Amino acid sequence: MEDHVNEGNYGELFSKVLLNRGQRRDSDRFWYENKDAGFNKDDEEPKELADNDQILTILDSKTKVENGIT
């Protein structure tokens, strides 16, 4: 186990992993929560889909596959 960094909840390695992930997410122009992603600010559909549905549900609702994937 690592010692916690700066009296936080995580060790040095995991803190760096979280920081790196946040930096990559913030710089990803296609991330659905990014204001520059092209989604209308009032349009909640992309956020709802990402937050509530599994990938198979999204594919099923957005494609014309007749017998769905199981």
C-alpha atoms as a PDB file:
ATOM      1  CA  MET A   1       0.000   0.000   0.000  1.00  0.00           C
ATOM      2  CA  GLU A   2       1.161   3.483  -0.802  1.00  0.00           C
ATOM      3  CA  ASP A   3       1.231   6.322   1.649  1.00  0.00           C
ATOM      4  CA  HIS A   4      -1.424   8.928   0.978  1.00  0.00           C
ATOM      5  CA  VAL A   5      -0.268  12.038  -0.875  1.00  0.00           C
ATOM      6  CA  ASN A   6      -0.848  15.487   0.635  1.00  0.00           C
ATOM      7  CA  GLU A   7      -3.212  14.076   3.270  1.00  0.00           C
ATOM      8  CA  GLY A   8      -5.492  12.871   0.456  1.00  0.00           C
ATOM      9  CA  ASN A   9      -7.251   9.558  -0.043  1.00  0.00           C
ATOM     10  CA  TYR A  10      -4.894   8.107  -2.666  1.00  0.00           C
ATOM     11  CA  GLY A  11      -1.265   7.157  -3.058  1.00  0.00           C
ATOM     12  CA  GLU A  12       1.153   8.777  -5.489  1.00  0.00           C
ATOM     13  CA  LEU A  13       0.553   6.409  -8.426  1.00  0.00           C
ATOM     14  CA  PHE A  14      -3.256   6.453  -8.297  1.00  0.00           C
ATOM     15  CA  SER A  15      -3.251  10.240  -7.856  1.00  0.00           C
ATOM     16  CA  LYS A  16      -1.197  10.555 -11.047  1.00  0.00           C
ATOM     17  CA  VAL A  17      -3.530   8.160 -12.886  1.00  0.00           C
ATOM     18  CA  LEU A  18      -6.582  10.230 -11.908  1.00  0.00           C
ATOM     19  CA  LEU A  19      -4.863  13.481 -12.872  1.00  0.00           C
ATOM     20  CA  ASN A  20      -3.796  12.054 -16.246  1.00  0.00           C
ATOM     21  CA  ARG A  21      -7.311  10.754 -16.959  1.00  0.00           C
ATOM     22  CA  GLY A  22      -8.829  14.123 -16.131  1.00  0.00           C
ATOM     23  CA  GLN A  23      -6.374  15.941 -18.373  1.00  0.00           C
ATOM     24  CA  ARG A  24      -7.065  13.592 -21.283  1.00  0.00           C
ATOM     25  CA  ARG A  25     -10.836  13.868 -20.772  1.00  0.00           C
ATOM     26  CA  ASP A  26     -10.728  17.660 -20.588  1.00  0.00           C
ATOM     27  CA  SER A  27      -8.695  17.888 -23.793  1.00  0.00           C
ATOM     28  CA  ASP A  28     -10.922  15.429 -25.719  1.00  0.00           C
ATOM     29  CA  ARG A  29     -13.144  17.556 -27.931  1.00  0.00           C
ATOM     30  CA  PHE A  30     -15.499  14.611 -28.491  1.00  0.00           C
ATOM     31  CA  TRP A  31     -16.128  13.895 -24.760  1.00  0.00           C
ATOM     32  CA  TYR A  32     -19.891  14.249 -24.324  1.00  0.00           C
ATOM     33  CA  GLU A  33     -19.579  16.570 -21.311  1.00  0.00           C
ATOM     34  CA  ASN A  34     -17.144  18.903 -23.089  1.00  0.00           C
ATOM     35  CA  LYS A  35     -18.791  22.186 -24.046  1.00  0.00           C
ATOM     36  CA  ASP A  36     -17.057  22.066 -27.463  1.00  0.00           C
ATOM     37  CA  ALA A  37     -18.341  18.563 -28.285  1.00  0.00           C
ATOM     38  CA  GLY A  38     -21.044  19.982 -30.542  1.00  0.00           C
ATOM     39  CA  PHE A  39     -24.027  19.007 -28.435  1.00  0.00           C
ATOM     40  CA  ASN A  40     -26.675  21.602 -27.770  1.00  0.00           C
ATOM     41  CA  LYS A  41     -26.344  22.787 -24.186  1.00  0.00           C
ATOM     42  CA  ASP A  42     -30.073  22.174 -23.659  1.00  0.00           C
ATOM     43  CA  ASP A  43     -29.981  18.734 -25.291  1.00  0.00           C
ATOM     44  CA  GLU A  44     -29.714  16.164 -22.517  1.00  0.00           C
ATOM     45  CA  GLU A  45     -29.960  13.098 -24.775  1.00  0.00           C
ATOM     46  CA  PRO A  46     -26.196  12.392 -25.157  1.00  0.00           C
ATOM     47  CA  LYS A  47     -25.633  12.771 -21.419  1.00  0.00           C
ATOM     48  CA  GLU A  48     -28.690  10.675 -20.570  1.00  0.00           C
ATOM     49  CA  LEU A  49     -27.616   7.942 -22.962  1.00  0.00           C
ATOM     50  CA  ALA A  50     -24.106   7.839 -21.609  1.00  0.00           C
ATOM     51  CA  ASP A  51     -25.205   7.936 -17.999  1.00  0.00           C
ATOM     52  CA  ASN A  52     -28.156   5.548 -18.086  1.00  0.00           C
ATOM     53  CA  ASP A  53     -27.819   3.058 -20.928  1.00  0.00           C
ATOM     54  CA  GLN A  54     -25.550   0.191 -21.729  1.00  0.00           C
ATOM     55  CA  ILE A  55     -23.790   0.175 -25.094  1.00  0.00           C
ATOM     56  CA  LEU A  56     -26.139  -2.515 -26.472  1.00  0.00           C
ATOM     57  CA  THR A  57     -29.182  -0.394 -25.634  1.00  0.00           C
ATOM     58  CA  ILE A  58     -27.642   2.605 -27.384  1.00  0.00           C
ATOM     59  CA  LEU A  59     -26.707   0.565 -30.471  1.00  0.00           C
ATOM     60  CA  ASP A  60     -30.175  -0.968 -30.588  1.00  0.00           C
ATOM     61  CA  SER A  61     -31.899   2.421 -30.384  1.00  0.00           C
ATOM     62  CA  LYS A  62     -29.606   4.145 -32.908  1.00  0.00           C
ATOM     63  CA  THR A  63     -29.286   1.447 -35.586  1.00  0.00           C
ATOM     64  CA  LYS A  64     -31.699  -0.384 -37.836  1.00  0.00           C
ATOM     65  CA  VAL A  65     -30.749  -3.901 -36.706  1.00  0.00           C
ATOM     66  CA  GLU A  66     -33.934  -5.965 -36.794  1.00  0.00           C
ATOM     67  CA  ASN A  67     -33.157  -8.706 -34.296  1.00  0.00           C
ATOM     68  CA  GLY A  68     -31.014  -6.780 -31.817  1.00  0.00           C
ATOM     69  CA  ILE A  69     -27.754  -8.041 -30.425  1.00  0.00           C
ATOM     70  CA  THR A  70     -27.854 -10.505 -27.546  1.00  0.00           C
END
